[in-house]
Structure formats: C-alpha cells, structure tokens
Protein backbone atom coordinates (compact mmCIF):
# COMPACT_ATOMS: atom_id res chain seq x y z
CA MET A 1 -5.57 -6.84 7.72
CA GLN A 2 -4.85 -5.85 11.37
CA ILE A 3 -8.51 -4.21 11.40
CA LEU A 4 -10.44 -7.00 10.04
CA ILE A 5 -8.56 -9.53 12.19
CA GLU A 6 -9.73 -7.07 15.33
CA TYR A 7 -13.51 -7.18 13.82
CA VAL A 8 -13.38 -10.87 13.34
CA VAL A 9 -11.93 -11.93 16.88
CA ARG A 10 -14.08 -9.25 18.74
CA ARG A 11 -17.37 -10.53 16.62
CA SER A 12 -16.40 -14.02 17.48
CA LEU A 13 -15.96 -13.32 21.16
CA GLN A 14 -19.12 -11.07 21.60
CA LYS A 15 -21.15 -13.94 20.01
CA ASP A 16 -19.74 -16.75 21.94
CA LYS A 17 -20.28 -14.20 25.02
CA THR A 18 -16.54 -15.24 25.96
CA LYS A 19 -13.16 -13.20 26.82
CA LEU A 20 -9.78 -13.43 25.84
CA LYS A 21 -6.87 -13.67 28.63
CA GLY A 22 -3.66 -13.00 28.38
CA GLN A 23 -3.85 -9.47 26.29
CA HIS A 24 -2.50 -7.06 29.10
CA LEU A 25 1.12 -7.38 29.69
CA LYS A 26 0.67 -5.75 33.24
CA ASN A 27 -2.12 -7.93 34.20
CA PRO A 28 -2.03 -11.33 32.06
CA LYS A 29 -5.15 -12.92 34.14
CA LYS A 30 -7.57 -9.56 33.12
CA MET A 31 -9.81 -10.84 30.30
CA THR A 32 -11.49 -8.75 27.64
CA ASP A 33 -14.11 -9.02 24.47
CA THR A 34 -12.60 -5.82 22.63
CA PRO A 35 -8.91 -6.99 22.04
CA THR A 36 -7.10 -4.53 19.27
CA GLY A 37 -5.47 -5.78 16.29
CA GLU A 38 -2.60 -5.01 17.30
CA LYS A 39 -2.39 -7.22 20.58
CA ILE A 40 -4.08 -10.21 19.15
CA LEU A 41 -1.07 -9.96 16.15
CA SER A 42 1.59 -9.50 19.38
CA ALA A 43 0.25 -12.68 20.55
CA PHE A 44 2.14 -14.24 18.27
CA SER A 45 5.31 -12.20 18.14
CA ASP A 46 7.20 -15.04 20.04
CA ILE A 47 6.70 -17.81 17.21
CA CYS A 48 10.22 -18.89 16.12
CA LEU A 49 11.30 -21.29 13.24
CA THR A 50 14.63 -23.00 14.04
CA PHE A 51 16.63 -24.43 11.10
CA ILE A 52 19.60 -27.15 12.07
CA LYS A 53 21.60 -28.70 9.45
CA LEU A 54 24.25 -31.57 10.55
CA SER A 55 25.48 -34.02 8.78
CA GLY A 56 23.50 -33.70 5.83
CA ALA A 57 20.00 -33.85 7.77
CA SER A 58 18.03 -30.97 8.12
CA LEU A 59 15.39 -30.39 11.01
CA ARG A 60 13.35 -27.36 11.47
CA VAL A 61 11.58 -26.82 14.82
CA LEU A 62 8.47 -24.45 14.94
CA THR A 63 7.31 -23.02 18.30
CA PRO A 64 4.27 -24.64 19.82
CA LEU A 65 0.93 -22.73 19.83
CA THR A 66 0.30 -21.29 23.17
CA ASP A 67 -3.24 -21.65 24.57
CA LEU A 68 -4.13 -17.82 23.62
CA GLN A 69 -2.54 -18.13 20.18
CA GLN A 70 -4.77 -21.38 19.81
CA GLU A 71 -7.77 -19.17 21.38
CA ILE A 72 -7.41 -16.84 18.69
CA LEU A 73 -7.04 -18.80 15.85
CA LYS A 74 -10.42 -20.41 16.64
CA LYS A 75 -12.25 -17.36 17.17
CA LEU A 76 -10.69 -16.49 13.55
CA GLY A 77 -12.41 -19.46 12.30
CA LEU A 78 -9.01 -21.17 11.47
CA ASP A 79 -8.08 -24.69 12.50
CA CYS A 80 -4.95 -24.84 14.64
CA ALA A 81 -3.92 -27.90 12.16
CA ILE A 82 -2.85 -25.27 9.53
CA TYR A 83 -0.11 -24.07 11.81
CA HIS A 84 1.14 -27.93 12.49
CA CYS A 85 0.65 -28.53 8.49
CA THR A 86 3.01 -25.55 8.02
CA GLY A 87 5.62 -27.00 10.49
CA HIS A 88 5.15 -30.19 8.34
CA PHE A 89 5.29 -28.47 4.93
CA LEU A 90 8.38 -26.69 6.27
CA ASN A 91 10.17 -30.09 6.94
CA THR A 92 9.58 -30.94 3.42
CA LEU A 93 11.57 -28.05 1.94
CA GLU A 94 15.30 -28.26 1.08
CA ILE A 95 16.66 -25.18 2.54
CA ASN A 96 20.61 -24.19 1.84
CA ILE A 97 21.94 -22.31 4.92
C-alpha cells in the first residue's frame, strides 16, 4: 500500500509539475517531487481522535487537516471531504468508554 501511495503522489506531482513542501524535518521549506511513501504517511501521524463523554453526552473531536495533508489527499485523487465525513460518521456512533 505504501508503494502505491508513493507512486500515485509522485506521478501526480510530476504531471502537475508541482512539489510538496514540508516533507523534510530539518528543512520544512524544502520542496520535493519525489516524496517517499514513508514520508507521505508520516505527514498523517499527528492526527488525533478524542472522545469526550460528559453527563451522557458524547463528543468526538478530530484533528483538522494541515495544508500538507490536504495537498497529499488531492494528489491521491481524494476529496478532503472524506476526512470531514469520517468525523461526522464518528459522531453518529455510540461508543461506550
């Protein structure tokens, strides 16, 4: 799966003649059109889903997408709305904590 993600993102970047910024820890402004699958996936490592239950009411909070994460989803041919739909779907679930 990682190799497929890498291939699709690289192909899209090259087709659009664009580059991704923020893939290098030591130099976040450095741009690349050949990100590795590992770096692409690591861009999503800080996403957090928090469940809060108070007085019978449940709340789920999903970390907003960064600009880099949104750009990667677009390069994968995915609409960022799928991420927001996931948050909406989670709010409809009853989870016993």
